[in-house]
Amino acid sequence: MANYSCEKFLMSYVPFSHNDAIYLYCFAAGLNIARMNFSHGSHEYHLETINNVRKAAANVGQPIGIALDTKGPEIRTGVMKAGVNAEVELKAGDKIMVTINDQYKEICDENWLWVDYKNIIKVRPTTDSIPLVLTNS
């Protein structure tokens, strides 16, 4: 039976690491998951990266996982009525309306938050609540 470790070493591949020597060095150091950011680069670039990772993994004789990080929607919010640097403190239980109505784009406040993601009404029903996670960071 193979001896598998629960410990994982993940590396994000960027253009400077796009060569066999870097791959081999990282695999020798224990890399077992290669992460690729699909927000950038062409299909050809990513195919070349996948082929290079597979080739280098075969050279060191160990399986390497490939994690594909795909781009999701980027949701931008509007400007606060009190100015671009203004903040609103939301507390647990507070409610704020999220809208795509452009009249709120530059007058957001503790009651209204404009977002540029027009498909939000297709993704979330208009009567749906959106959970808000409050953190200290």
Protein backbone atom coordinates (compact mmCIF):
# COMPACT_ATOMS: atom_id res chain seq x y z
CA MET A 1 0.00 0.00 0.00
CA ALA A 2 1.28 3.46 -0.90
CA ASN A 3 2.32 5.81 1.88
CA TYR A 4 0.42 9.07 1.40
CA SER A 5 0.97 12.17 3.47
CA CYS A 6 -1.91 14.41 4.53
CA GLU A 7 0.47 17.36 4.34
CA LYS A 8 0.15 19.41 1.17
CA PHE A 9 2.48 21.94 -0.46
CA LEU A 10 0.77 24.21 -2.97
CA MET A 11 2.43 26.62 -5.40
CA SER A 12 0.80 29.20 -7.65
CA TYR A 13 2.41 29.25 -11.06
CA VAL A 14 3.32 32.65 -12.47
CA PRO A 15 5.33 33.52 -15.59
CA PHE A 16 8.74 33.54 -13.83
CA SER A 17 8.13 29.96 -12.63
CA HIS A 18 7.19 28.77 -16.11
CA ASN A 19 10.20 26.54 -16.67
CA ASP A 20 11.23 22.95 -15.98
CA ALA A 21 14.06 23.84 -13.58
CA ILE A 22 11.68 25.68 -11.22
CA TYR A 23 9.15 22.83 -11.39
CA LEU A 24 11.79 20.20 -10.62
CA TYR A 25 13.19 22.25 -7.74
CA CYS A 26 9.73 22.68 -6.21
CA PHE A 27 8.81 19.01 -6.65
CA ALA A 28 12.07 17.99 -4.97
CA ALA A 29 11.16 20.33 -2.08
CA GLY A 30 7.84 18.51 -1.66
CA LEU A 31 5.41 20.36 -3.91
CA ASN A 32 2.39 18.18 -4.55
CA ILE A 33 -0.22 20.62 -5.90
CA ALA A 34 0.35 23.09 -8.73
CA ARG A 35 -2.20 25.94 -8.69
CA MET A 36 -2.91 27.82 -11.88
CA ASN A 37 -4.76 31.14 -11.94
CA PHE A 38 -7.11 31.12 -14.92
CA SER A 39 -7.88 34.83 -14.44
CA HIS A 40 -4.77 35.57 -16.48
CA GLY A 41 -3.11 34.00 -19.49
CA SER A 42 -4.33 32.32 -22.68
CA HIS A 43 -5.61 28.79 -23.15
CA GLU A 44 -2.35 27.97 -24.91
CA TYR A 45 -0.29 29.27 -21.97
CA HIS A 46 -2.27 27.16 -19.49
CA LEU A 47 -2.07 24.05 -21.68
CA GLU A 48 1.71 24.50 -21.90
CA THR A 49 1.89 24.89 -18.11
CA ILE A 50 -0.18 21.73 -17.53
CA ASN A 51 2.04 19.78 -19.95
CA ASN A 52 5.21 21.10 -18.26
CA VAL A 53 3.92 20.16 -14.80
CA ARG A 54 2.98 16.65 -15.99
CA LYS A 55 6.38 16.20 -17.66
CA ALA A 56 8.29 17.38 -14.59
CA ALA A 57 6.13 15.18 -12.31
CA ALA A 58 6.92 12.17 -14.49
CA ASN A 59 10.65 13.01 -14.27
CA VAL A 60 10.58 12.95 -10.46
CA GLY A 61 8.22 9.96 -10.37
CA GLN A 62 5.57 11.42 -8.11
CA PRO A 63 1.93 12.37 -8.67
CA ILE A 64 1.25 16.10 -8.71
CA GLY A 65 -2.24 17.55 -8.42
CA ILE A 66 -3.22 20.50 -10.58
CA ALA A 67 -5.64 23.02 -9.07
CA LEU A 68 -7.36 25.31 -11.53
CA ASP A 69 -8.46 28.60 -9.98
CA THR A 70 -11.15 29.99 -12.24
CA LYS A 71 -12.29 33.59 -12.26
CA GLY A 72 -15.64 34.36 -10.73
CA PRO A 73 -17.63 37.55 -11.06
CA GLU A 74 -16.02 40.72 -9.74
CA ILE A 75 -18.61 42.74 -7.89
CA ARG A 76 -17.86 46.43 -7.41
CA THR A 77 -19.80 48.56 -4.97
CA GLY A 78 -20.88 52.17 -5.30
CA VAL A 79 -19.49 55.29 -3.67
CA MET A 80 -20.63 56.29 -0.20
CA LYS A 81 -22.81 59.40 0.03
CA ALA A 82 -20.34 60.78 2.60
CA GLY A 83 -17.37 60.36 0.21
CA VAL A 84 -15.07 57.72 -1.26
CA ASN A 85 -13.25 57.10 2.03
CA ALA A 86 -16.39 57.00 4.18
CA GLU A 87 -17.23 53.87 6.12
CA VAL A 88 -20.46 52.41 7.44
CA GLU A 89 -20.51 50.20 10.49
CA LEU A 90 -22.83 47.24 10.15
CA LYS A 91 -23.73 45.17 13.17
CA ALA A 92 -25.09 41.64 13.36
CA GLY A 93 -28.79 41.79 12.53
CA ASP A 94 -28.57 45.03 10.54
CA LYS A 95 -30.22 45.04 7.13
CA ILE A 96 -28.98 46.83 4.03
CA MET A 97 -30.62 46.81 0.60
CA VAL A 98 -28.39 45.68 -2.26
CA THR A 99 -29.41 47.29 -5.55
CA ILE A 100 -28.39 47.50 -9.19
CA ASN A 101 -30.44 50.69 -9.63
CA ASP A 102 -27.90 53.22 -10.92
CA GLN A 103 -29.53 56.09 -9.02
CA TYR A 104 -27.78 54.69 -5.90
CA LYS A 105 -24.33 54.38 -7.55
CA GLU A 106 -22.87 57.42 -5.77
CA ILE A 107 -25.16 57.72 -2.75
CA CYS A 108 -24.63 54.46 -0.87
CA ASP A 109 -25.16 54.57 2.88
CA GLU A 110 -26.09 52.33 5.82
CA ASN A 111 -29.40 51.52 4.09
CA TRP A 112 -28.46 51.11 0.41
CA LEU A 113 -25.51 49.43 -1.33
CA TRP A 114 -25.23 49.69 -5.11
CA VAL A 115 -23.41 46.85 -6.95
CA ASP A 116 -22.35 46.74 -10.60
CA TYR A 117 -23.12 43.03 -11.02
CA LYS A 118 -26.36 43.26 -13.01
CA ASN A 119 -26.79 39.47 -13.01
CA ILE A 120 -27.16 39.40 -9.24
CA ILE A 121 -30.93 39.39 -9.70
CA LYS A 122 -30.60 36.23 -11.82
CA VAL A 123 -28.33 34.56 -9.27
CA ARG A 124 -30.23 35.55 -6.12
CA PRO A 125 -34.00 36.07 -6.05
CA THR A 126 -34.94 39.65 -5.23
CA THR A 127 -36.69 38.48 -2.06
CA ASP A 128 -33.62 36.54 -0.91
CA SER A 129 -31.37 37.57 1.96
CA ILE A 130 -27.62 37.62 1.34
CA PRO A 131 -25.70 36.42 4.40
CA LEU A 132 -23.21 38.98 5.70
CA VAL A 133 -20.17 37.73 7.55
CA LEU A 134 -18.67 40.31 9.91
CA THR A 135 -15.03 39.98 10.89
CA ASN A 136 -12.43 42.07 12.68
CA SER A 137 -10.05 41.99 9.72
